[in-house]
All heavy atoms as atom14 arrays in JSON, in Angstrom:
{
  "sequence": "RQRNPEYKRVASRKDKRVKKLKNEQDEQKKGVLRSEIASL",
  "atom14_mask": [
    [1, 1, 1, 1, 1, 1, 1, 1, 1, 1, 1, 0, 0, 0],
    [1, 1, 1, 1, 1, 1, 1, 1, 1, 0, 0, 0, 0, 0],
    [1, 1, 1, 1, 1, 1, 1, 1, 1, 1, 1, 0, 0, 0],
    [1, 1, 1, 1, 1, 1, 1, 1, 0, 0, 0, 0, 0, 0],
    [1, 1, 1, 1, 1, 1, 1, 0, 0, 0, 0, 0, 0, 0],
    [1, 1, 1, 1, 1, 1, 1, 1, 1, 0, 0, 0, 0, 0],
    [1, 1, 1, 1, 1, 1, 1, 1, 1, 1, 1, 1, 0, 0],
    [1, 1, 1, 1, 1, 1, 1, 1, 1, 0, 0, 0, 0, 0],
    [1, 1, 1, 1, 1, 1, 1, 1, 1, 1, 1, 0, 0, 0],
    [1, 1, 1, 1, 1, 1, 1, 0, 0, 0, 0, 0, 0, 0],
    [1, 1, 1, 1, 1, 0, 0, 0, 0, 0, 0, 0, 0, 0],
    [1, 1, 1, 1, 1, 1, 0, 0, 0, 0, 0, 0, 0, 0],
    [1, 1, 1, 1, 1, 1, 1, 1, 1, 1, 1, 0, 0, 0],
    [1, 1, 1, 1, 1, 1, 1, 1, 1, 0, 0, 0, 0, 0],
    [1, 1, 1, 1, 1, 1, 1, 1, 0, 0, 0, 0, 0, 0],
    [1, 1, 1, 1, 1, 1, 1, 1, 1, 0, 0, 0, 0, 0],
    [1, 1, 1, 1, 1, 1, 1, 1, 1, 1, 1, 0, 0, 0],
    [1, 1, 1, 1, 1, 1, 1, 0, 0, 0, 0, 0, 0, 0],
    [1, 1, 1, 1, 1, 1, 1, 1, 1, 0, 0, 0, 0, 0],
    [1, 1, 1, 1, 1, 1, 1, 1, 1, 0, 0, 0, 0, 0],
    [1, 1, 1, 1, 1, 1, 1, 1, 0, 0, 0, 0, 0, 0],
    [1, 1, 1, 1, 1, 1, 1, 1, 1, 0, 0, 0, 0, 0],
    [1, 1, 1, 1, 1, 1, 1, 1, 0, 0, 0, 0, 0, 0],
    [1, 1, 1, 1, 1, 1, 1, 1, 1, 0, 0, 0, 0, 0],
    [1, 1, 1, 1, 1, 1, 1, 1, 1, 0, 0, 0, 0, 0],
    [1, 1, 1, 1, 1, 1, 1, 1, 0, 0, 0, 0, 0, 0],
    [1, 1, 1, 1, 1, 1, 1, 1, 1, 0, 0, 0, 0, 0],
    [1, 1, 1, 1, 1, 1, 1, 1, 1, 0, 0, 0, 0, 0],
    [1, 1, 1, 1, 1, 1, 1, 1, 1, 0, 0, 0, 0, 0],
    [1, 1, 1, 1, 1, 1, 1, 1, 1, 0, 0, 0, 0, 0],
    [1, 1, 1, 1, 0, 0, 0, 0, 0, 0, 0, 0, 0, 0],
    [1, 1, 1, 1, 1, 1, 1, 0, 0, 0, 0, 0, 0, 0],
    [1, 1, 1, 1, 1, 1, 1, 1, 0, 0, 0, 0, 0, 0],
    [1, 1, 1, 1, 1, 1, 1, 1, 1, 1, 1, 0, 0, 0],
    [1, 1, 1, 1, 1, 1, 0, 0, 0, 0, 0, 0, 0, 0],
    [1, 1, 1, 1, 1, 1, 1, 1, 1, 0, 0, 0, 0, 0],
    [1, 1, 1, 1, 1, 1, 1, 1, 0, 0, 0, 0, 0, 0],
    [1, 1, 1, 1, 1, 0, 0, 0, 0, 0, 0, 0, 0, 0],
    [1, 1, 1, 1, 1, 1, 0, 0, 0, 0, 0, 0, 0, 0],
    [1, 1, 1, 1, 1, 1, 1, 1, 0, 0, 0, 0, 0, 0]
  ],
  "atom14_positions": [
    [[215.31, 170.44, -128.74], [215.15, 171.26, -127.54], [216.33, 172.21, -127.37], [217.46, 171.9, -127.73], [215.06, 170.36, -126.31], [213.67, 169.81, -126.0], [213.71, 169.25, -124.6], [212.42, 168.78, -124.15], [212.12, 167.52, -123.94], [213.02, 166.59, -124.15], [210.93, 167.18, -123.48], [0.0, 0.0, 0.0], [0.0, 0.0, 0.0], [0.0, 0.0, 0.0]],
    [[216.07, 173.36, -126.76], [217.12, 174.31, -126.43], [217.99, 173.75, -125.3], [217.48, 173.13, -124.36], [216.49, 175.63, -126.01], [217.49, 176.74, -125.74], [216.79, 178.03, -125.34], [215.6, 178.19, -125.55], [217.56, 178.94, -124.75], [0.0, 0.0, 0.0], [0.0, 0.0, 0.0], [0.0, 0.0, 0.0], [0.0, 0.0, 0.0], [0.0, 0.0, 0.0]],
    [[219.29, 173.94, -125.41], [220.2, 173.46, -124.38], [219.97, 174.19, -123.07], [219.7, 175.39, -123.03], [221.65, 173.65, -124.82], [222.08, 172.8, -125.99], [222.19, 171.33, -125.65], [223.18, 171.06, -124.63], [224.48, 170.85, -124.87], [224.93, 170.91, -126.12], [225.31, 170.59, -123.88], [0.0, 0.0, 0.0], [0.0, 0.0, 0.0], [0.0, 0.0, 0.0]],
    [[220.1, 173.46, -121.97], [219.96, 174.02, -120.64], [221.18, 174.92, -120.33], [222.31, 174.44, -120.33], [219.86, 172.89, -119.62], [219.65, 173.38, -118.2], [219.6, 174.59, -117.95], [219.52, 172.45, -117.27], [0.0, 0.0, 0.0], [0.0, 0.0, 0.0], [0.0, 0.0, 0.0], [0.0, 0.0, 0.0], [0.0, 0.0, 0.0], [0.0, 0.0, 0.0]],
    [[220.98, 176.22, -120.06], [222.12, 177.11, -119.81], [222.99, 176.65, -118.64], [224.22, 176.77, -118.71], [221.45, 178.46, -119.51], [220.1, 178.38, -120.14], [219.7, 176.95, -120.05], [0.0, 0.0, 0.0], [0.0, 0.0, 0.0], [0.0, 0.0, 0.0], [0.0, 0.0, 0.0], [0.0, 0.0, 0.0], [0.0, 0.0, 0.0], [0.0, 0.0, 0.0]],
    [[222.37, 176.14, -117.59], [223.14, 175.68, -116.43], [224.01, 174.48, -116.81], [225.17, 174.38, -116.39], [222.19, 175.32, -115.29], [222.86, 174.84, -114.02], [223.72, 175.92, -113.37], [223.56, 177.11, -113.7], [224.57, 175.55, -112.53], [0.0, 0.0, 0.0], [0.0, 0.0, 0.0], [0.0, 0.0, 0.0], [0.0, 0.0, 0.0], [0.0, 0.0, 0.0]],
    [[223.43, 173.58, -117.62], [224.19, 172.41, -118.07], [225.38, 172.85, -118.94], [226.49, 172.33, -118.8], [223.26, 171.48, -118.86], [223.91, 170.2, -119.32], [223.88, 169.06, -118.52], [224.55, 170.12, -120.56], [224.47, 167.87, -118.95], [225.14, 168.95, -120.99], [225.09, 167.83, -120.18], [225.69, 166.66, -120.6], [0.0, 0.0, 0.0], [0.0, 0.0, 0.0]],
    [[225.13, 173.82, -119.83], [226.2, 174.33, -120.69], [227.32, 174.97, -119.86], [228.51, 174.82, -120.17], [225.63, 175.35, -121.68], [224.76, 174.75, -122.76], [224.07, 175.82, -123.6], [225.06, 176.67, -124.36], [224.38, 177.67, -125.22], [0.0, 0.0, 0.0], [0.0, 0.0, 0.0], [0.0, 0.0, 0.0], [0.0, 0.0, 0.0], [0.0, 0.0, 0.0]],
    [[226.93, 175.69, -118.8], [227.92, 176.35, -117.96], [228.82, 175.33, -117.27], [230.05, 175.45, -117.27], [227.2, 177.21, -116.91], [228.14, 178.05, -116.03], [227.37, 178.78, -114.98], [226.76, 177.87, -114.03], [227.42, 177.31, -113.01], [228.71, 177.56, -112.82], [226.78, 176.49, -112.19], [0.0, 0.0, 0.0], [0.0, 0.0, 0.0], [0.0, 0.0, 0.0]],
    [[228.2, 174.27, -116.71], [228.98, 173.24, -116.02], [229.85, 172.48, -117.02], [231.01, 172.16, -116.74], [228.04, 172.29, -115.25], [228.84, 171.15, -114.61], [227.25, 173.04, -114.19], [0.0, 0.0, 0.0], [0.0, 0.0, 0.0], [0.0, 0.0, 0.0], [0.0, 0.0, 0.0], [0.0, 0.0, 0.0], [0.0, 0.0, 0.0], [0.0, 0.0, 0.0]],
    [[229.28, 172.19, -118.21], [230.04, 171.47, -119.24], [231.24, 172.29, -119.7], [232.33, 171.73, -119.95], [229.14, 171.16, -120.43], [0.0, 0.0, 0.0], [0.0, 0.0, 0.0], [0.0, 0.0, 0.0], [0.0, 0.0, 0.0], [0.0, 0.0, 0.0], [0.0, 0.0, 0.0], [0.0, 0.0, 0.0], [0.0, 0.0, 0.0], [0.0, 0.0, 0.0]],
    [[231.07, 173.61, -119.8], [232.17, 174.48, -120.21], [233.29, 174.47, -119.17], [234.48, 174.4, -119.52], [231.65, 175.9, -120.42], [232.7, 176.78, -120.74], [0.0, 0.0, 0.0], [0.0, 0.0, 0.0], [0.0, 0.0, 0.0], [0.0, 0.0, 0.0], [0.0, 0.0, 0.0], [0.0, 0.0, 0.0], [0.0, 0.0, 0.0], [0.0, 0.0, 0.0]],
    [[232.91, 174.52, -117.9], [233.91, 174.46, -116.83], [234.68, 173.14, -116.86], [235.9, 173.09, -116.67], [233.23, 174.64, -115.47], [232.7, 176.05, -115.23], [231.86, 176.12, -113.97], [232.65, 175.7, -112.81], [232.1, 175.37, -111.64], [230.77, 175.39, -111.5], [232.87, 175.02, -110.63], [0.0, 0.0, 0.0], [0.0, 0.0, 0.0], [0.0, 0.0, 0.0]],
    [[233.94, 172.07, -117.13], [234.59, 170.75, -117.19], [235.56, 170.68, -118.37], [236.7, 170.18, -118.24], [233.53, 169.66, -117.32], [234.1, 168.26, -117.46], [233.02, 167.23, -117.78], [233.64, 165.89, -118.13], [232.61, 164.9, -118.54], [0.0, 0.0, 0.0], [0.0, 0.0, 0.0], [0.0, 0.0, 0.0], [0.0, 0.0, 0.0], [0.0, 0.0, 0.0]],
    [[235.14, 171.19, -119.55], [235.99, 171.14, -120.74], [237.29, 171.93, -120.53], [238.37, 171.51, -120.99], [235.23, 171.71, -121.95], [234.1, 170.81, -122.4], [234.12, 169.61, -122.02], [233.19, 171.29, -123.1], [0.0, 0.0, 0.0], [0.0, 0.0, 0.0], [0.0, 0.0, 0.0], [0.0, 0.0, 0.0], [0.0, 0.0, 0.0], [0.0, 0.0, 0.0]],
    [[237.18, 173.07, -119.86], [238.38, 173.88, -119.6], [239.38, 173.1, -118.75], [240.6, 173.16, -118.99], [237.98, 175.17, -118.9], [237.27, 176.17, -119.8], [236.88, 177.41, -119.03], [236.14, 178.42, -119.94], [235.72, 179.63, -119.18], [0.0, 0.0, 0.0], [0.0, 0.0, 0.0], [0.0, 0.0, 0.0], [0.0, 0.0, 0.0], [0.0, 0.0, 0.0]],
    [[238.89, 172.39, -117.75], [239.78, 171.63, -116.88], [240.37, 170.42, -117.6], [241.5, 170.01, -117.33], [239.03, 171.2, -115.61], [238.9, 172.36, -114.61], [237.75, 172.16, -113.64], [237.71, 173.24, -112.66], [237.22, 174.46, -112.92], [236.76, 174.73, -114.15], [237.21, 175.4, -111.98], [0.0, 0.0, 0.0], [0.0, 0.0, 0.0], [0.0, 0.0, 0.0]],
    [[239.59, 169.81, -118.52], [240.12, 168.69, -119.3], [241.28, 169.17, -120.19], [242.31, 168.49, -120.29], [239.0, 168.06, -120.16], [239.58, 167.07, -121.16], [237.96, 167.37, -119.28], [0.0, 0.0, 0.0], [0.0, 0.0, 0.0], [0.0, 0.0, 0.0], [0.0, 0.0, 0.0], [0.0, 0.0, 0.0], [0.0, 0.0, 0.0], [0.0, 0.0, 0.0]],
    [[241.11, 170.32, -120.83], [242.18, 170.86, -121.66], [243.41, 171.22, -120.82], [244.56, 170.99, -121.23], [241.68, 172.1, -122.4], [240.64, 171.81, -123.47], [240.18, 173.09, -124.14], [239.13, 172.8, -125.19], [238.62, 174.05, -125.84], [0.0, 0.0, 0.0], [0.0, 0.0, 0.0], [0.0, 0.0, 0.0], [0.0, 0.0, 0.0], [0.0, 0.0, 0.0]],
    [[243.14, 171.79, -119.65], [244.25, 172.17, -118.78], [245.02, 170.96, -118.28], [246.24, 170.98, -118.15], [243.7, 172.97, -117.59], [244.77, 173.63, -116.74], [244.13, 174.51, -115.69], [245.21, 175.21, -114.85], [244.61, 176.08, -113.8], [0.0, 0.0, 0.0], [0.0, 0.0, 0.0], [0.0, 0.0, 0.0], [0.0, 0.0, 0.0], [0.0, 0.0, 0.0]],
    [[244.26, 169.84, -118.04], [244.88, 168.61, -117.56], [245.86, 168.05, -118.59], [246.91, 167.49, -118.23], [243.79, 167.58, -117.22], [244.26, 166.21, -116.75], [245.03, 166.33, -115.42], [243.08, 165.25, -116.6], [0.0, 0.0, 0.0], [0.0, 0.0, 0.0], [0.0, 0.0, 0.0], [0.0, 0.0, 0.0], [0.0, 0.0, 0.0], [0.0, 0.0, 0.0]],
    [[245.55, 168.18, -119.88], [246.41, 167.64, -120.93], [247.78, 168.32, -120.96], [248.79, 167.7, -121.34], [245.72, 167.79, -122.29], [244.49, 166.92, -122.46], [243.86, 167.13, -123.83], [242.64, 166.27, -124.01], [242.0, 166.49, -125.33], [0.0, 0.0, 0.0], [0.0, 0.0, 0.0], [0.0, 0.0, 0.0], [0.0, 0.0, 0.0], [0.0, 0.0, 0.0]],
    [[247.81, 169.61, -120.58], [249.08, 170.37, -120.64], [249.79, 170.47, -119.29], [250.9, 171.0, -119.22], [248.79, 171.78, -121.17], [248.19, 171.77, -122.56], [248.58, 170.95, -123.38], [247.24, 172.67, -122.82], [0.0, 0.0, 0.0], [0.0, 0.0, 0.0], [0.0, 0.0, 0.0], [0.0, 0.0, 0.0], [0.0, 0.0, 0.0], [0.0, 0.0, 0.0]],
    [[249.13, 170.0, -118.24], [249.72, 170.12, -116.89], [250.78, 169.04, -116.67], [250.57, 167.88, -117.0], [248.6, 170.0, -115.84], [249.06, 170.23, -114.42], [249.68, 171.61, -114.23], [248.99, 172.63, -114.45], [250.9, 171.64, -113.89], [0.0, 0.0, 0.0], [0.0, 0.0, 0.0], [0.0, 0.0, 0.0], [0.0, 0.0, 0.0], [0.0, 0.0, 0.0]],
    [[251.91, 169.48, -116.07], [253.01, 168.56, -115.8], [253.09, 168.19, -114.31], [253.57, 167.11, -113.96], [254.34, 169.19, -116.25], [254.39, 169.56, -117.72], [254.27, 168.34, -118.61], [254.79, 167.26, -118.27], [253.58, 168.5, -119.75], [0.0, 0.0, 0.0], [0.0, 0.0, 0.0], [0.0, 0.0, 0.0], [0.0, 0.0, 0.0], [0.0, 0.0, 0.0]],
    [[252.62, 169.04, -113.47], [252.7, 168.82, -112.02], [251.67, 167.75, -111.61], [250.46, 167.92, -111.83], [252.44, 170.13, -111.28], [252.72, 170.01, -109.79], [251.99, 169.26, -109.13], [253.66, 170.67, -109.31], [0.0, 0.0, 0.0], [0.0, 0.0, 0.0], [0.0, 0.0, 0.0], [0.0, 0.0, 0.0], [0.0, 0.0, 0.0], [0.0, 0.0, 0.0]],
    [[252.16, 166.68, -110.98], [251.29, 165.56, -110.6], [250.28, 165.97, -109.55], [249.14, 165.49, -109.55], [252.13, 164.39, -110.09], [252.96, 163.71, -111.16], [252.07, 163.1, -112.25], [250.94, 162.66, -111.93], [252.5, 163.1, -113.42], [0.0, 0.0, 0.0], [0.0, 0.0, 0.0], [0.0, 0.0, 0.0], [0.0, 0.0, 0.0], [0.0, 0.0, 0.0]],
    [[250.68, 166.84, -108.63], [249.76, 167.28, -107.58], [248.61, 168.08, -108.18], [247.43, 167.88, -107.82], [250.51, 168.11, -106.53], [249.63, 168.49, -105.34], [250.41, 169.24, -104.26], [251.62, 169.43, -104.39], [249.73, 169.62, -103.2], [0.0, 0.0, 0.0], [0.0, 0.0, 0.0], [0.0, 0.0, 0.0], [0.0, 0.0, 0.0], [0.0, 0.0, 0.0]],
    [[248.93, 168.99, -109.11], [247.88, 169.77, -109.76], [247.0, 168.89, -110.65], [245.79, 169.13, -110.8], [248.52, 170.88, -110.59], [249.17, 171.97, -109.75], [249.73, 173.08, -110.62], [250.35, 174.19, -109.78], [250.9, 175.28, -110.62], [0.0, 0.0, 0.0], [0.0, 0.0, 0.0], [0.0, 0.0, 0.0], [0.0, 0.0, 0.0], [0.0, 0.0, 0.0]],
    [[247.61, 167.85, -111.26], [246.82, 166.9, -112.05], [245.76, 166.22, -111.2], [244.61, 166.04, -111.61], [247.72, 165.83, -112.68], [248.45, 166.28, -113.93], [249.2, 165.1, -114.54], [249.86, 165.49, -115.84], [250.57, 164.34, -116.46], [0.0, 0.0, 0.0], [0.0, 0.0, 0.0], [0.0, 0.0, 0.0], [0.0, 0.0, 0.0], [0.0, 0.0, 0.0]],
    [[246.16, 165.83, -109.98], [245.21, 165.19, -109.08], [244.05, 166.09, -108.72], [242.88, 165.65, -108.66], [0.0, 0.0, 0.0], [0.0, 0.0, 0.0], [0.0, 0.0, 0.0], [0.0, 0.0, 0.0], [0.0, 0.0, 0.0], [0.0, 0.0, 0.0], [0.0, 0.0, 0.0], [0.0, 0.0, 0.0], [0.0, 0.0, 0.0], [0.0, 0.0, 0.0]],
    [[244.36, 167.38, -108.48], [243.3, 168.35, -108.16], [242.36, 168.51, -109.35], [241.13, 168.55, -109.2], [243.93, 169.7, -107.78], [242.83, 170.76, -107.6], [244.75, 169.58, -106.5], [0.0, 0.0, 0.0], [0.0, 0.0, 0.0], [0.0, 0.0, 0.0], [0.0, 0.0, 0.0], [0.0, 0.0, 0.0], [0.0, 0.0, 0.0], [0.0, 0.0, 0.0]],
    [[242.93, 168.61, -110.56], [242.11, 168.76, -111.76], [241.21, 167.54, -112.0], [240.03, 167.68, -112.36], [243.0, 169.0, -112.99], [243.67, 170.37, -113.09], [244.69, 170.39, -114.21], [242.62, 171.47, -113.3], [0.0, 0.0, 0.0], [0.0, 0.0, 0.0], [0.0, 0.0, 0.0], [0.0, 0.0, 0.0], [0.0, 0.0, 0.0], [0.0, 0.0, 0.0]],
    [[241.77, 166.35, -111.8], [240.96, 165.12, -111.98], [239.8, 165.11, -110.99], [238.68, 164.71, -111.32], [241.84, 163.89, -111.79], [242.84, 163.65, -112.91], [243.47, 162.27, -112.78], [244.5, 162.06, -113.79], [245.81, 162.19, -113.56], [246.24, 162.54, -112.33], [246.68, 161.98, -114.52], [0.0, 0.0, 0.0], [0.0, 0.0, 0.0], [0.0, 0.0, 0.0]],
    [[240.06, 165.54, -109.77], [239.0, 165.58, -108.76], [237.91, 166.58, -109.15], [236.7, 166.3, -109.01], [239.61, 165.96, -107.4], [238.6, 166.07, -106.42], [0.0, 0.0, 0.0], [0.0, 0.0, 0.0], [0.0, 0.0, 0.0], [0.0, 0.0, 0.0], [0.0, 0.0, 0.0], [0.0, 0.0, 0.0], [0.0, 0.0, 0.0], [0.0, 0.0, 0.0]],
    [[238.32, 167.75, -109.65], [237.35, 168.76, -110.07], [236.55, 168.28, -111.28], [235.33, 168.51, -111.37], [238.07, 170.06, -110.39], [238.65, 170.76, -109.17], [239.4, 172.03, -109.54], [239.57, 172.27, -110.78], [239.81, 172.77, -108.63], [0.0, 0.0, 0.0], [0.0, 0.0, 0.0], [0.0, 0.0, 0.0], [0.0, 0.0, 0.0], [0.0, 0.0, 0.0]],
    [[237.21, 167.6, -112.21], [236.52, 167.07, -113.41], [235.48, 166.04, -113.0], [234.34, 166.04, -113.5], [237.54, 166.47, -114.4], [238.39, 167.57, -115.02], [236.82, 165.66, -115.49], [239.57, 167.06, -115.83], [0.0, 0.0, 0.0], [0.0, 0.0, 0.0], [0.0, 0.0, 0.0], [0.0, 0.0, 0.0], [0.0, 0.0, 0.0], [0.0, 0.0, 0.0]],
    [[235.85, 165.16, -112.08], [234.91, 164.14, -111.62], [233.71, 164.78, -110.93], [232.56, 164.35, -111.1], [235.62, 163.17, -110.68], [0.0, 0.0, 0.0], [0.0, 0.0, 0.0], [0.0, 0.0, 0.0], [0.0, 0.0, 0.0], [0.0, 0.0, 0.0], [0.0, 0.0, 0.0], [0.0, 0.0, 0.0], [0.0, 0.0, 0.0], [0.0, 0.0, 0.0]],
    [[233.97, 165.81, -110.12], [232.89, 166.51, -109.42], [231.95, 167.2, -110.4], [230.72, 167.14, -110.27], [233.49, 167.53, -108.45], [232.46, 168.27, -107.82], [0.0, 0.0, 0.0], [0.0, 0.0, 0.0], [0.0, 0.0, 0.0], [0.0, 0.0, 0.0], [0.0, 0.0, 0.0], [0.0, 0.0, 0.0], [0.0, 0.0, 0.0], [0.0, 0.0, 0.0]],
    [[232.52, 167.86, -111.41], [231.69, 168.52, -112.43], [230.91, 167.51, -113.26], [229.77, 167.77, -113.66], [232.59, 169.38, -113.33], [233.19, 170.63, -112.68], [234.24, 171.25, -113.58], [232.11, 171.65, -112.35], [0.0, 0.0, 0.0], [0.0, 0.0, 0.0], [0.0, 0.0, 0.0], [0.0, 0.0, 0.0], [0.0, 0.0, 0.0], [0.0, 0.0, 0.0]]
  ]
}
């Protein structure tokens, strides 16, 4: 089956935040990113 474009869009947003979380040093920003990842 063809991938759902909406699903791909949300997955892409989640992947970007996961990568950003790996390089983030600020604990407060890490918490925000974890919350956004969980929501996505």
